[in-house]
């Protein structure tokens, strides 16, 4: 199903190839046209897929020239090692895209990925858009954090820029989404200043392993990735 899904995406994009193709999540669902299939009680219908077989199909897409690089998303260490230790591995994941911000700094996973030359890519790097469908509304707002705001004042930058700069200095690739020209232009200023080692330690101290999107509806899935330490 991997090559056919890719061909469908390429057709929609009107591209001959894409630069990066990732397994969005290790949490497989019942195959079909419905991306989120549910039963009569509204509960997601799980599937149990061999992630190594999926990876082999990803490798075939790269061999066919349909993608330049292949990676994963929301994988924990155990799942990454499953791929890395697969007999006959041709290409290892170039990246692992995960939720990562000062309240969930993913230090252990980052160290592991660096040791394997896998790039950690941060989504929700500024916290979360706080959609009520996904996010517990009682969780704290990252960009209102006093330490981030104190550093923002120190550098005459926004708390968002401080949070982004923190990730860049750790060697993390950051995904930052905005719908306003002002914010997009502001994001480029992340390259105009540098946090000190003391600043970095202060932001490190904010970690509380807070996951804005813990994917609670997948808790019973055999490949639920967030029950592991990292």
N, C-alpha and C. Protein backbone atom coordinates (compact mmCIF):
# COMPACT_ATOMS: atom_id res chain seq x y z
N UNK A 1 0.82 -1.22 0.00
CA UNK A 1 0.00 0.00 0.00
C UNK A 1 0.85 1.27 0.00
N UNK A 2 2.12 1.17 0.40
CA UNK A 2 2.98 2.36 0.48
C UNK A 2 3.20 2.99 -0.89
N UNK A 3 3.66 2.23 -1.91
CA UNK A 3 3.89 2.87 -3.21
C UNK A 3 2.63 3.47 -3.82
N UNK A 4 1.50 2.81 -3.65
CA UNK A 4 0.25 3.34 -4.24
C UNK A 4 -0.16 4.64 -3.55
N UNK A 5 0.05 4.72 -2.23
CA UNK A 5 -0.26 5.95 -1.49
C UNK A 5 0.66 7.08 -1.95
N UNK A 6 1.93 6.74 -2.17
CA UNK A 6 2.89 7.74 -2.63
C UNK A 6 2.53 8.23 -4.03
N UNK A 7 2.18 7.31 -4.91
CA UNK A 7 1.80 7.69 -6.28
C UNK A 7 0.60 8.63 -6.26
N UNK A 8 -0.34 8.35 -5.37
CA UNK A 8 -1.53 9.20 -5.25
C UNK A 8 -1.12 10.61 -4.80
N UNK A 9 -0.20 10.68 -3.84
CA UNK A 9 0.27 11.99 -3.36
C UNK A 9 1.01 12.74 -4.45
N UNK A 10 1.87 12.04 -5.18
CA UNK A 10 2.63 12.67 -6.26
C UNK A 10 1.69 13.23 -7.34
N UNK A 11 0.64 12.49 -7.62
CA UNK A 11 -0.32 12.94 -8.62
C UNK A 11 -1.03 14.21 -8.16
N UNK A 12 -1.43 14.24 -6.89
CA UNK A 12 -2.10 15.42 -6.35
C UNK A 12 -1.16 16.63 -6.33
N UNK A 13 0.08 16.39 -5.99
CA UNK A 13 1.07 17.47 -5.91
C UNK A 13 1.59 17.90 -7.28
N UNK A 14 1.37 17.02 -8.27
CA UNK A 14 1.89 17.22 -9.62
C UNK A 14 3.43 17.28 -9.60
N UNK A 15 4.01 16.37 -8.83
CA UNK A 15 5.46 16.24 -8.73
C UNK A 15 5.91 14.89 -9.30
N UNK A 16 7.15 14.84 -9.77
CA UNK A 16 7.74 13.57 -10.19
C UNK A 16 8.34 12.83 -8.99
N UNK A 17 8.75 13.58 -7.99
CA UNK A 17 9.33 13.00 -6.78
C UNK A 17 9.16 14.00 -5.64
N UNK A 18 9.37 13.54 -4.41
CA UNK A 18 9.40 14.45 -3.26
C UNK A 18 10.72 14.25 -2.53
N UNK A 19 11.12 15.27 -1.78
CA UNK A 19 12.42 15.24 -1.12
C UNK A 19 12.43 14.35 0.12
N UNK A 20 11.34 14.36 0.87
CA UNK A 20 11.31 13.57 2.11
C UNK A 20 9.94 12.92 2.28
N UNK A 21 9.95 11.63 2.52
CA UNK A 21 8.72 10.86 2.74
C UNK A 21 8.87 10.19 4.10
N UNK A 22 7.89 10.35 4.97
CA UNK A 22 8.01 9.78 6.31
C UNK A 22 6.82 8.90 6.67
N UNK A 23 7.09 7.93 7.54
CA UNK A 23 6.00 7.18 8.17
C UNK A 23 5.47 8.10 9.26
N UNK A 24 4.27 8.58 9.11
CA UNK A 24 3.74 9.63 9.99
C UNK A 24 3.64 9.16 11.43
N UNK A 25 3.35 7.89 11.63
CA UNK A 25 3.18 7.36 12.99
C UNK A 25 3.32 5.84 12.96
N UNK A 26 3.82 5.24 14.02
CA UNK A 26 3.87 3.77 14.08
C UNK A 26 2.51 3.16 14.38
N UNK A 27 1.49 3.99 14.56
CA UNK A 27 0.16 3.54 14.95
C UNK A 27 -0.70 3.28 13.71
N UNK A 28 -0.74 2.03 13.29
CA UNK A 28 -1.49 1.69 12.08
C UNK A 28 -2.98 1.50 12.40
N UNK A 29 -3.80 1.90 11.43
CA UNK A 29 -5.25 1.76 11.55
C UNK A 29 -5.76 0.88 10.41
N UNK A 30 -7.00 0.45 10.53
CA UNK A 30 -7.61 -0.39 9.50
C UNK A 30 -7.49 0.30 8.13
N UNK A 31 -6.92 -0.41 7.14
CA UNK A 31 -6.73 0.22 5.83
C UNK A 31 -8.05 0.51 5.13
N UNK A 32 -8.03 1.54 4.30
CA UNK A 32 -9.23 1.93 3.57
C UNK A 32 -9.18 3.41 3.25
N UNK A 33 -10.27 3.91 2.66
CA UNK A 33 -10.31 5.31 2.27
C UNK A 33 -10.44 6.26 3.46
N UNK A 34 -11.02 5.76 4.57
CA UNK A 34 -11.20 6.59 5.76
C UNK A 34 -9.89 6.62 6.53
N UNK A 35 -9.31 7.81 6.69
CA UNK A 35 -8.03 7.93 7.41
C UNK A 35 -8.16 7.58 8.88
N UNK A 36 -9.35 7.82 9.46
CA UNK A 36 -9.56 7.52 10.87
C UNK A 36 -10.81 6.63 11.01
N UNK A 37 -10.68 5.34 10.67
CA UNK A 37 -11.83 4.43 10.73
C UNK A 37 -12.26 4.16 12.18
N UNK A 38 -13.55 4.21 12.42
CA UNK A 38 -14.07 3.97 13.77
C UNK A 38 -15.16 2.90 13.73
N UNK A 39 -15.36 2.24 14.87
CA UNK A 39 -16.40 1.23 14.97
C UNK A 39 -17.72 1.90 15.37
N UNK A 40 -18.72 1.09 15.68
CA UNK A 40 -20.04 1.61 16.02
C UNK A 40 -20.06 2.48 17.26
N UNK A 41 -19.04 2.31 18.11
CA UNK A 41 -18.96 3.10 19.34
C UNK A 41 -18.07 4.33 19.18
N UNK A 42 -17.65 4.57 17.94
CA UNK A 42 -16.80 5.72 17.68
C UNK A 42 -15.34 5.50 18.08
N UNK A 43 -14.95 4.25 18.34
CA UNK A 43 -13.58 3.95 18.73
C UNK A 43 -12.75 3.59 17.50
N UNK A 44 -11.53 4.09 17.45
CA UNK A 44 -10.65 3.81 16.32
C UNK A 44 -10.43 2.32 16.13
N UNK A 45 -10.39 1.90 14.87
CA UNK A 45 -10.16 0.49 14.55
C UNK A 45 -8.68 0.30 14.23
N UNK A 46 -7.97 -0.38 15.12
CA UNK A 46 -6.53 -0.56 14.96
C UNK A 46 -6.20 -1.66 13.97
N UNK A 47 -5.00 -1.58 13.44
CA UNK A 47 -4.42 -2.66 12.64
C UNK A 47 -3.05 -2.93 13.24
N UNK A 48 -2.49 -4.10 12.99
CA UNK A 48 -1.17 -4.42 13.51
C UNK A 48 -0.26 -4.71 12.32
N UNK A 49 0.62 -3.78 12.01
CA UNK A 49 1.46 -3.87 10.82
C UNK A 49 2.92 -4.05 11.22
N UNK A 50 3.64 -4.86 10.47
CA UNK A 50 5.08 -5.03 10.68
C UNK A 50 5.78 -3.76 10.19
N UNK A 51 6.30 -2.97 11.12
CA UNK A 51 6.92 -1.70 10.75
C UNK A 51 8.15 -1.91 9.87
N UNK A 52 8.83 -3.04 10.04
CA UNK A 52 10.00 -3.32 9.20
C UNK A 52 9.57 -3.58 7.75
N UNK A 53 8.43 -4.22 7.57
CA UNK A 53 7.92 -4.44 6.21
C UNK A 53 7.53 -3.11 5.57
N UNK A 54 6.94 -2.23 6.37
CA UNK A 54 6.60 -0.90 5.87
C UNK A 54 7.87 -0.15 5.47
N UNK A 55 8.91 -0.30 6.28
CA UNK A 55 10.17 0.38 5.97
C UNK A 55 10.78 -0.14 4.66
N UNK A 56 10.67 -1.44 4.43
CA UNK A 56 11.19 -2.01 3.18
C UNK A 56 10.46 -1.42 1.98
N UNK A 57 9.15 -1.17 2.14
CA UNK A 57 8.38 -0.54 1.06
C UNK A 57 8.83 0.90 0.86
N UNK A 58 9.20 1.57 1.95
CA UNK A 58 9.73 2.94 1.85
C UNK A 58 11.06 2.92 1.09
N UNK A 59 11.89 1.95 1.40
CA UNK A 59 13.19 1.82 0.73
C UNK A 59 12.99 1.60 -0.77
N UNK A 60 11.98 0.82 -1.13
CA UNK A 60 11.70 0.56 -2.54
C UNK A 60 11.29 1.85 -3.26
N UNK A 61 10.58 2.73 -2.56
CA UNK A 61 10.18 4.01 -3.15
C UNK A 61 11.41 4.88 -3.42
N UNK A 62 12.38 4.81 -2.52
CA UNK A 62 13.62 5.56 -2.72
C UNK A 62 14.41 4.97 -3.90
N UNK A 63 14.48 3.67 -3.97
CA UNK A 63 15.18 3.01 -5.07
C UNK A 63 14.55 3.35 -6.42
N UNK A 64 13.24 3.55 -6.40
CA UNK A 64 12.51 3.86 -7.64
C UNK A 64 12.66 5.33 -8.04
N UNK A 65 13.32 6.12 -7.19
CA UNK A 65 13.52 7.53 -7.50
C UNK A 65 12.32 8.41 -7.21
N UNK A 66 11.34 7.87 -6.51
CA UNK A 66 10.13 8.64 -6.21
C UNK A 66 10.32 9.56 -5.01
N UNK A 67 11.30 9.21 -4.16
CA UNK A 67 11.64 10.05 -3.01
C UNK A 67 13.16 10.13 -2.90
N UNK A 68 13.65 11.27 -2.38
CA UNK A 68 15.09 11.44 -2.19
C UNK A 68 15.53 10.89 -0.84
N UNK A 69 14.71 11.12 0.19
CA UNK A 69 15.04 10.68 1.54
C UNK A 69 13.80 10.11 2.21
N UNK A 70 14.03 9.20 3.15
CA UNK A 70 12.91 8.59 3.88
C UNK A 70 13.18 8.67 5.39
N UNK A 71 12.12 8.88 6.15
CA UNK A 71 12.25 9.01 7.60
C UNK A 71 11.01 8.55 8.31
N UNK A 72 10.94 8.87 9.61
CA UNK A 72 9.80 8.44 10.43
C UNK A 72 9.34 9.61 11.30
N UNK A 73 8.23 9.41 11.96
CA UNK A 73 7.67 10.42 12.85
C UNK A 73 6.99 9.73 14.02
N UNK A 74 7.14 10.29 15.21
CA UNK A 74 6.50 9.76 16.42
C UNK A 74 7.00 8.37 16.81
N UNK A 75 8.23 8.05 16.42
CA UNK A 75 8.83 6.77 16.81
C UNK A 75 9.62 6.95 18.10
N UNK A 76 9.56 5.96 18.98
CA UNK A 76 10.41 5.98 20.17
C UNK A 76 11.72 5.23 19.87
N UNK A 77 12.58 5.17 20.86
CA UNK A 77 13.88 4.53 20.65
C UNK A 77 13.73 3.07 20.22
N UNK A 78 12.86 2.34 20.91
CA UNK A 78 12.68 0.92 20.59
C UNK A 78 12.25 0.74 19.13
N UNK A 79 11.35 1.57 18.67
CA UNK A 79 10.86 1.46 17.30
C UNK A 79 11.93 1.86 16.28
N UNK A 80 12.73 2.85 16.64
CA UNK A 80 13.85 3.23 15.77
C UNK A 80 14.85 2.08 15.67
N UNK A 81 15.14 1.46 16.81
CA UNK A 81 16.11 0.36 16.82
C UNK A 81 15.59 -0.83 16.03
N UNK A 82 14.27 -1.02 16.04
CA UNK A 82 13.67 -2.09 15.26
C UNK A 82 14.02 -1.93 13.78
N UNK A 83 13.96 -0.68 13.30
CA UNK A 83 14.32 -0.40 11.91
C UNK A 83 15.83 -0.51 11.71
N UNK A 84 16.59 0.11 12.60
CA UNK A 84 18.04 0.15 12.46
C UNK A 84 18.67 -1.25 12.50
N UNK A 85 18.05 -2.15 13.26
CA UNK A 85 18.59 -3.51 13.40
C UNK A 85 17.96 -4.51 12.43
N UNK A 86 17.15 -4.01 11.52
CA UNK A 86 16.47 -4.89 10.57
C UNK A 86 17.48 -5.57 9.64
N UNK A 87 17.43 -6.89 9.52
CA UNK A 87 18.33 -7.58 8.57
C UNK A 87 18.14 -7.04 7.15
N UNK A 88 19.23 -6.76 6.48
CA UNK A 88 19.15 -6.29 5.09
C UNK A 88 18.78 -4.83 4.95
N UNK A 89 18.92 -4.06 6.04
CA UNK A 89 18.59 -2.63 5.98
C UNK A 89 19.41 -1.95 4.88
N UNK A 90 18.72 -1.21 4.00
CA UNK A 90 19.39 -0.49 2.92
C UNK A 90 19.61 0.98 3.27
N UNK A 91 18.59 1.60 3.85
CA UNK A 91 18.67 3.01 4.21
C UNK A 91 18.08 3.20 5.60
N UNK A 92 18.81 3.89 6.46
CA UNK A 92 18.25 4.18 7.78
C UNK A 92 17.42 5.46 7.71
N UNK A 93 16.54 5.67 8.66
CA UNK A 93 15.74 6.90 8.66
C UNK A 93 16.65 8.13 8.75
N UNK A 94 16.40 9.13 7.91
CA UNK A 94 17.21 10.36 7.99
C UNK A 94 16.73 11.25 9.12
N UNK A 95 15.47 11.06 9.54
CA UNK A 95 14.93 11.93 10.59
C UNK A 95 13.85 11.22 11.38
N UNK A 96 13.58 11.77 12.56
CA UNK A 96 12.45 11.34 13.39
C UNK A 96 11.75 12.62 13.83
N UNK A 97 10.54 12.81 13.35
CA UNK A 97 9.78 14.04 13.63
C UNK A 97 8.87 13.80 14.83
N UNK A 98 9.10 14.56 15.92
CA UNK A 98 8.36 14.34 17.16
C UNK A 98 7.95 15.66 17.80
N UNK A 99 6.98 15.60 18.70
CA UNK A 99 6.65 16.78 19.50
C UNK A 99 7.86 17.13 20.36
N UNK A 100 8.29 18.37 20.31
CA UNK A 100 9.49 18.77 21.06
C UNK A 100 9.46 20.27 21.31
N UNK A 101 9.55 20.64 22.58
CA UNK A 101 9.53 22.05 23.00
C UNK A 101 10.11 22.11 24.41
N UNK A 102 10.30 23.29 24.99
CA UNK A 102 10.94 23.35 26.31
C UNK A 102 10.22 22.57 27.41
N UNK A 103 8.91 22.35 27.30
CA UNK A 103 8.22 21.55 28.31
C UNK A 103 8.33 20.04 28.01
N UNK A 104 8.80 19.69 26.83
CA UNK A 104 9.04 18.29 26.44
C UNK A 104 10.30 18.31 25.57
N UNK A 105 11.46 18.39 26.22
CA UNK A 105 12.67 18.66 25.43
C UNK A 105 13.28 17.43 24.76
N UNK A 106 12.75 16.24 25.07
CA UNK A 106 13.16 15.01 24.37
C UNK A 106 14.68 14.79 24.44
N UNK A 107 15.29 15.13 25.56
CA UNK A 107 16.75 15.07 25.67
C UNK A 107 17.31 13.68 25.36
N UNK A 108 16.72 12.65 25.96
CA UNK A 108 17.23 11.29 25.76
C UNK A 108 17.07 10.83 24.31
N UNK A 109 15.91 11.14 23.74
CA UNK A 109 15.67 10.74 22.35
C UNK A 109 16.59 11.51 21.42
N UNK A 110 16.82 12.78 21.71
CA UNK A 110 17.73 13.59 20.90
C UNK A 110 19.14 13.02 20.94
N UNK A 111 19.61 12.65 22.13
CA UNK A 111 20.95 12.07 22.26
C UNK A 111 21.06 10.77 21.48
N UNK A 112 20.01 9.95 21.56
CA UNK A 112 20.03 8.68 20.83
C UNK A 112 20.07 8.93 19.32
N UNK A 113 19.21 9.83 18.85
CA UNK A 113 19.16 10.12 17.41
C UNK A 113 20.50 10.67 16.92
N UNK A 114 21.10 11.55 17.70
CA UNK A 114 22.41 12.09 17.31
C UNK A 114 23.44 10.98 17.20
N UNK A 115 23.39 10.00 18.12
CA UNK A 115 24.36 8.90 18.11
C UNK A 115 24.20 8.02 16.87
N UNK A 116 23.02 8.06 16.25
CA UNK A 116 22.75 7.26 15.06
C UNK A 116 22.72 8.12 13.79
N UNK A 117 23.11 9.39 13.94
CA UNK A 117 23.10 10.32 12.81
C UNK A 117 21.70 10.46 12.19
N UNK A 118 20.71 10.50 13.07
CA UNK A 118 19.32 10.73 12.67
C UNK A 118 18.93 12.12 13.15
N UNK A 119 18.38 12.94 12.27
CA UNK A 119 18.00 14.31 12.64
C UNK A 119 16.69 14.29 13.41
N UNK A 120 16.67 14.95 14.56
CA UNK A 120 15.42 15.10 15.28
C UNK A 120 14.73 16.36 14.76
N UNK A 121 13.49 16.23 14.34
CA UNK A 121 12.70 17.34 13.83
C UNK A 121 11.58 17.63 14.83
N UNK A 122 11.47 18.88 15.24
CA UNK A 122 10.49 19.25 16.26
C UNK A 122 9.21 19.81 15.64
N UNK A 123 8.08 19.16 15.96
CA UNK A 123 6.80 19.82 15.68
C UNK A 123 6.22 20.28 17.02
N UNK A 124 5.26 21.17 16.97
CA UNK A 124 4.72 21.83 18.17
C UNK A 124 5.85 22.48 18.96
N UNK A 125 6.82 23.04 18.26
CA UNK A 125 7.99 23.64 18.90
C UNK A 125 7.64 24.87 19.73
N UNK A 126 6.46 25.43 19.49
CA UNK A 126 6.01 26.60 20.25
C UNK A 126 4.87 26.23 21.20
N UNK A 127 4.79 24.95 21.50
CA UNK A 127 3.68 24.48 22.31
C UNK A 127 2.66 23.82 21.40
N UNK A 128 1.49 24.37 21.31
CA UNK A 128 0.45 23.77 20.48
C UNK A 128 -0.59 24.79 20.10
N UNK A 129 -1.31 24.51 19.01
CA UNK A 129 -2.39 25.42 18.62
C UNK A 129 -3.62 25.23 19.51
N UNK A 130 -3.53 24.24 20.42
CA UNK A 130 -4.54 24.04 21.47
C UNK A 130 -5.93 23.73 20.93
N UNK A 131 -5.99 22.96 19.90
CA UNK A 131 -7.28 22.48 19.39
C UNK A 131 -7.93 21.62 20.47
N UNK A 132 -9.18 21.92 20.80
CA UNK A 132 -9.86 21.21 21.89
C UNK A 132 -10.01 19.72 21.62
N UNK A 133 -9.95 19.34 20.34
CA UNK A 133 -10.07 17.92 20.00
C UNK A 133 -8.84 17.13 20.44
N UNK A 134 -7.69 17.82 20.53
CA UNK A 134 -6.44 17.10 20.78
C UNK A 134 -5.77 17.49 22.10
N UNK A 135 -5.99 18.72 22.55
CA UNK A 135 -5.18 19.24 23.65
C UNK A 135 -6.02 19.51 24.89
N UNK A 136 -5.54 19.04 26.03
CA UNK A 136 -6.15 19.32 27.32
C UNK A 136 -6.02 20.82 27.59
N UNK A 137 -7.15 21.48 27.70
CA UNK A 137 -7.16 22.93 27.83
C UNK A 137 -6.61 23.43 29.17
N UNK A 138 -6.38 22.50 30.12
CA UNK A 138 -5.83 22.90 31.41
C UNK A 138 -4.30 22.95 31.39
N UNK A 139 -3.69 22.49 30.29
CA UNK A 139 -2.22 22.50 30.22
C UNK A 139 -1.71 23.94 30.09
N UNK A 140 -0.53 24.21 30.64
CA UNK A 140 -0.01 25.58 30.61
C UNK A 140 0.39 26.02 29.21
N UNK A 141 0.29 27.31 28.96
CA UNK A 141 0.71 27.88 27.68
C UNK A 141 2.22 28.09 27.70
N UNK A 142 2.92 27.42 26.81
CA UNK A 142 4.37 27.49 26.77
C UNK A 142 4.87 28.92 26.63
N UNK A 143 4.26 29.68 25.72
CA UNK A 143 4.78 31.02 25.42
C UNK A 143 4.46 32.04 26.50
N UNK A 144 3.75 31.61 27.54
CA UNK A 144 3.51 32.48 28.69
C UNK A 144 4.49 32.17 29.83
N UNK A 145 5.40 31.23 29.60
CA UNK A 145 6.34 30.82 30.64
C UNK A 145 7.20 32.01 31.08
N UNK A 146 7.37 32.23 32.39
CA UNK A 146 8.14 33.39 32.89
C UNK A 146 9.61 33.39 32.43
N UNK A 147 10.24 32.23 32.39
CA UNK A 147 11.65 32.17 31.99
C UNK A 147 11.81 32.53 30.52
N UNK A 148 10.95 32.00 29.67
CA UNK A 148 11.00 32.34 28.25
C UNK A 148 10.75 33.83 28.05
N UNK A 149 9.83 34.37 28.82
CA UNK A 149 9.52 35.80 28.68
C UNK A 149 10.65 36.69 29.22
N UNK A 150 11.32 36.23 30.26
CA UNK A 150 12.46 36.99 30.79
C UNK A 150 13.59 37.02 29.76
N UNK A 151 13.83 35.86 29.11
CA UNK A 151 14.88 35.81 28.09
C UNK A 151 14.47 36.61 26.85
N UNK A 152 13.19 36.59 26.55
CA UNK A 152 12.71 37.39 25.42
C UNK A 152 12.97 38.88 25.67
N UNK A 153 12.74 39.32 26.90
CA UNK A 153 13.00 40.72 27.26
C UNK A 153 14.50 41.02 27.19
N UNK A 154 15.31 40.07 27.64
CA UNK A 154 16.77 40.24 27.64
C UNK A 154 17.30 40.47 26.23
N UNK A 155 16.75 39.74 25.26
CA UNK A 155 17.26 39.82 23.89
C UNK A 155 16.40 40.68 22.96
N UNK A 156 15.36 41.29 23.52
CA UNK A 156 14.42 42.08 22.72
C UNK A 156 13.86 41.24 21.57
N UNK A 157 13.48 40.03 21.91
CA UNK A 157 12.88 39.12 20.95
C UNK A 157 11.58 38.58 21.55
N UNK A 158 10.81 37.87 20.77
CA UNK A 158 9.57 37.28 21.28
C UNK A 158 9.89 35.96 22.00
N UNK A 159 9.01 35.53 22.92
CA UNK A 159 9.20 34.21 23.56
C UNK A 159 9.27 33.08 22.52
N UNK A 160 8.52 33.24 21.44
CA UNK A 160 8.54 32.23 20.38
C UNK A 160 9.94 32.10 19.78
N UNK A 161 10.58 33.23 19.52
CA UNK A 161 11.93 33.20 18.94
C UNK A 161 12.93 32.56 19.90
N UNK A 162 12.76 32.81 21.18
CA UNK A 162 13.65 32.20 22.18
C UNK A 162 13.47 30.67 22.15
N UNK A 163 12.22 30.22 22.08
CA UNK A 163 11.94 28.78 22.04
C UNK A 163 12.52 28.14 20.77
N UNK A 164 12.43 28.84 19.64
CA UNK A 164 12.98 28.33 18.39
C UNK A 164 14.50 28.31 18.42
N UNK A 165 15.10 29.38 18.95
CA UNK A 165 16.55 29.48 19.01
C UNK A 165 17.13 28.36 19.89
N UNK A 166 16.44 28.07 20.96
CA UNK A 166 16.83 26.98 21.88
C UNK A 166 16.99 25.68 21.11
N UNK A 167 16.03 25.37 20.26
CA UNK A 167 16.07 24.12 19.51
C UNK A 167 17.22 24.12 18.50
N UNK A 168 17.40 25.21 17.79
CA UNK A 168 18.46 25.27 16.79
C UNK A 168 19.83 25.04 17.42
N UNK A 169 20.04 25.61 18.60
CA UNK A 169 21.34 25.46 19.26
C UNK A 169 21.55 24.05 19.80
N UNK A 170 20.47 23.28 19.92
CA UNK A 170 20.59 21.87 20.35
C UNK A 170 20.79 20.95 19.15
N UNK A 171 20.74 21.50 17.95
CA UNK A 171 20.86 20.67 16.76
C UNK A 171 19.56 20.05 16.32
N UNK A 172 18.45 20.67 16.69
CA UNK A 172 17.12 20.18 16.33
C UNK A 172 16.58 21.01 15.17
N UNK A 173 16.04 20.36 14.16
CA UNK A 173 15.36 21.06 13.06
C UNK A 173 13.96 21.43 13.53
N UNK A 174 13.55 22.66 13.28
CA UNK A 174 12.30 23.17 13.82
C UNK A 174 11.26 23.41 12.73
N UNK A 175 10.05 22.94 12.98
CA UNK A 175 8.92 23.27 12.11
C UNK A 175 8.08 24.33 12.84
N UNK A 176 7.97 25.50 12.24
CA UNK A 176 7.16 26.57 12.83
C UNK A 176 6.14 27.04 11.80
N UNK A 177 4.88 26.91 12.15
CA UNK A 177 3.82 27.26 11.21
C UNK A 177 3.19 28.59 11.61
N UNK A 178 2.92 29.42 10.61
CA UNK A 178 2.22 30.67 10.87
C UNK A 178 1.36 31.03 9.67
N UNK A 179 0.28 31.75 9.95
CA UNK A 179 -0.62 32.19 8.88
C UNK A 179 -0.52 33.69 8.63
N UNK A 180 0.36 34.36 9.41
CA UNK A 180 0.47 35.81 9.26
C UNK A 180 1.86 36.19 8.76
N UNK A 181 1.89 37.15 7.86
CA UNK A 181 3.16 37.62 7.30
C UNK A 181 4.09 38.12 8.41
N UNK A 182 3.53 38.83 9.37
CA UNK A 182 4.32 39.40 10.47
C UNK A 182 5.07 38.31 11.23
N UNK A 183 4.38 37.23 11.57
CA UNK A 183 5.00 36.14 12.33
C UNK A 183 6.03 35.40 11.48
N UNK A 184 5.73 35.20 10.21
CA UNK A 184 6.66 34.51 9.32
C UNK A 184 7.96 35.30 9.21
N UNK A 185 7.82 36.62 9.02
CA UNK A 185 9.01 37.46 8.93
C UNK A 185 9.77 37.48 10.26
N UNK A 186 9.03 37.47 11.36
CA UNK A 186 9.64 37.48 12.68
C UNK A 186 10.46 36.21 12.92
N UNK A 187 9.94 35.09 12.41
CA UNK A 187 10.63 33.81 12.62
C UNK A 187 12.04 33.81 12.04
N UNK A 188 12.27 34.57 10.98
CA UNK A 188 13.60 34.61 10.36
C UNK A 188 14.63 35.27 11.29
N UNK A 189 14.16 36.02 12.26
CA UNK A 189 15.08 36.70 13.18
C UNK A 189 15.73 35.71 14.16
N UNK A 190 15.35 34.45 14.08
CA UNK A 190 15.92 33.43 14.96
C UNK A 190 17.42 33.28 14.73
N UNK A 191 17.89 33.73 13.56
CA UNK A 191 19.32 33.62 13.24
C UNK A 191 20.12 34.86 13.66
N UNK A 192 19.43 35.85 14.25
CA UNK A 192 20.09 37.13 14.55
C UNK A 192 20.63 37.23 15.97
N UNK A 193 20.49 36.19 16.77
CA UNK A 193 20.99 36.25 18.15
C UNK A 193 21.37 34.85 18.62
N UNK A 194 22.04 34.77 19.76
CA UNK A 194 22.47 33.47 20.28
C UNK A 194 22.27 33.44 21.79
N UNK A 195 21.73 32.32 22.27
CA UNK A 195 21.53 32.14 23.71
C UNK A 195 22.84 31.69 24.35
N UNK A 196 23.07 32.13 25.58
CA UNK A 196 24.28 31.70 26.29
C UNK A 196 24.07 30.29 26.85
N UNK A 197 25.16 29.69 27.31
CA UNK A 197 25.07 28.36 27.93
C UNK A 197 24.17 28.41 29.16
N UNK A 198 24.24 29.49 29.88
CA UNK A 198 23.38 29.67 31.07
C UNK A 198 21.92 29.75 30.66
N UNK A 199 21.63 30.47 29.58
CA UNK A 199 20.26 30.57 29.06
C UNK A 199 19.75 29.18 28.68
N UNK A 200 20.59 28.42 27.99
CA UNK A 200 20.20 27.09 27.53
C UNK A 200 19.86 26.19 28.72
N UNK A 201 20.66 26.27 29.78
CA UNK A 201 20.40 25.47 30.98
C UNK A 201 19.10 25.88 31.64
N UNK A 202 18.82 27.18 31.62
CA UNK A 202 17.57 27.68 32.21
C UNK A 202 16.36 27.12 31.46
N UNK A 203 16.46 27.06 30.14
CA UNK A 203 15.35 26.52 29.35
C UNK A 203 15.28 25.01 29.52
N UNK A 204 16.44 24.35 29.61
CA UNK A 204 16.44 22.90 29.87
C UNK A 204 15.67 22.58 31.15
N UNK A 205 15.78 23.46 32.14
CA UNK A 205 15.14 23.21 33.44
C UNK A 205 13.62 23.26 33.37
N UNK A 206 13.09 23.77 32.27
CA UNK A 206 11.63 23.87 32.12
C UNK A 206 11.00 22.52 31.79
N UNK A 207 11.81 21.55 31.40
CA UNK A 207 11.25 20.27 30.97
C UNK A 207 10.38 19.63 32.05
N UNK A 208 9.21 19.21 31.68
CA UNK A 208 8.31 18.50 32.59
C UNK A 208 7.65 17.31 31.90
N UNK A 209 8.23 16.91 30.77
CA UNK A 209 7.69 15.79 29.98
C UNK A 209 6.21 15.97 29.69
N UNK A 210 5.85 17.22 29.42
CA UNK A 210 4.45 17.54 29.09
C UNK A 210 4.22 17.34 27.60
N UNK A 211 3.36 16.40 27.29
CA UNK A 211 3.02 16.13 25.90
C UNK A 211 1.65 16.73 25.62
N UNK A 212 1.60 17.75 24.76
CA UNK A 212 0.32 18.39 24.45
C UNK A 212 -0.62 17.44 23.72
N UNK A 213 -0.06 16.56 22.91
CA UNK A 213 -0.90 15.60 22.19
C UNK A 213 -0.42 14.18 22.50
N UNK A 214 -0.90 13.59 23.61
CA UNK A 214 -0.46 12.25 24.00
C UNK A 214 -1.13 11.12 23.24
N UNK A 215 -2.03 11.48 22.30
CA UNK A 215 -2.72 10.46 21.49
C UNK A 215 -3.41 9.42 22.38
N UNK A 216 -4.20 9.92 23.32
CA UNK A 216 -4.87 9.04 24.29
C UNK A 216 -5.73 7.98 23.63
N UNK A 217 -6.30 8.33 22.46
CA UNK A 217 -7.19 7.38 21.79
C UNK A 217 -6.44 6.16 21.25
N UNK A 218 -5.10 6.22 21.28
CA UNK A 218 -4.28 5.09 20.80
C UNK A 218 -3.64 4.31 21.94
N UNK A 219 -4.01 4.59 23.18
CA UNK A 219 -3.33 3.99 24.33
C UNK A 219 -3.27 2.47 24.27
N UNK A 220 -4.29 1.84 23.72
CA UNK A 220 -4.35 0.38 23.67
C UNK A 220 -3.70 -0.21 22.43
N UNK A 221 -3.16 0.63 21.57
CA UNK A 221 -2.53 0.14 20.35
C UNK A 221 -1.22 -0.57 20.71
N UNK A 222 -0.94 -1.73 20.09
CA UNK A 222 0.29 -2.47 20.42
C UNK A 222 1.58 -1.70 20.15
N UNK A 223 1.54 -0.69 19.28
CA UNK A 223 2.74 0.09 18.99
C UNK A 223 2.66 1.51 19.55
N UNK A 224 1.81 1.72 20.58
CA UNK A 224 1.73 3.05 21.20
C UNK A 224 3.12 3.46 21.67
N UNK A 225 3.64 4.58 21.13
CA UNK A 225 5.07 4.88 21.35
C UNK A 225 5.41 5.63 22.64
N UNK A 226 4.41 6.20 23.31
CA UNK A 226 4.72 7.14 24.39
C UNK A 226 4.71 6.52 25.78
N UNK A 227 4.50 5.20 25.85
CA UNK A 227 4.55 4.53 27.15
C UNK A 227 6.00 4.27 27.56
N UNK A 228 6.89 4.16 26.58
CA UNK A 228 8.32 3.97 26.85
C UNK A 228 8.92 5.25 27.44
N UNK A 229 10.06 5.11 28.10
CA UNK A 229 10.75 6.27 28.67
C UNK A 229 11.08 7.28 27.57
N UNK A 230 11.55 6.80 26.43
CA UNK A 230 11.84 7.67 25.28
C UNK A 230 12.00 6.82 24.03
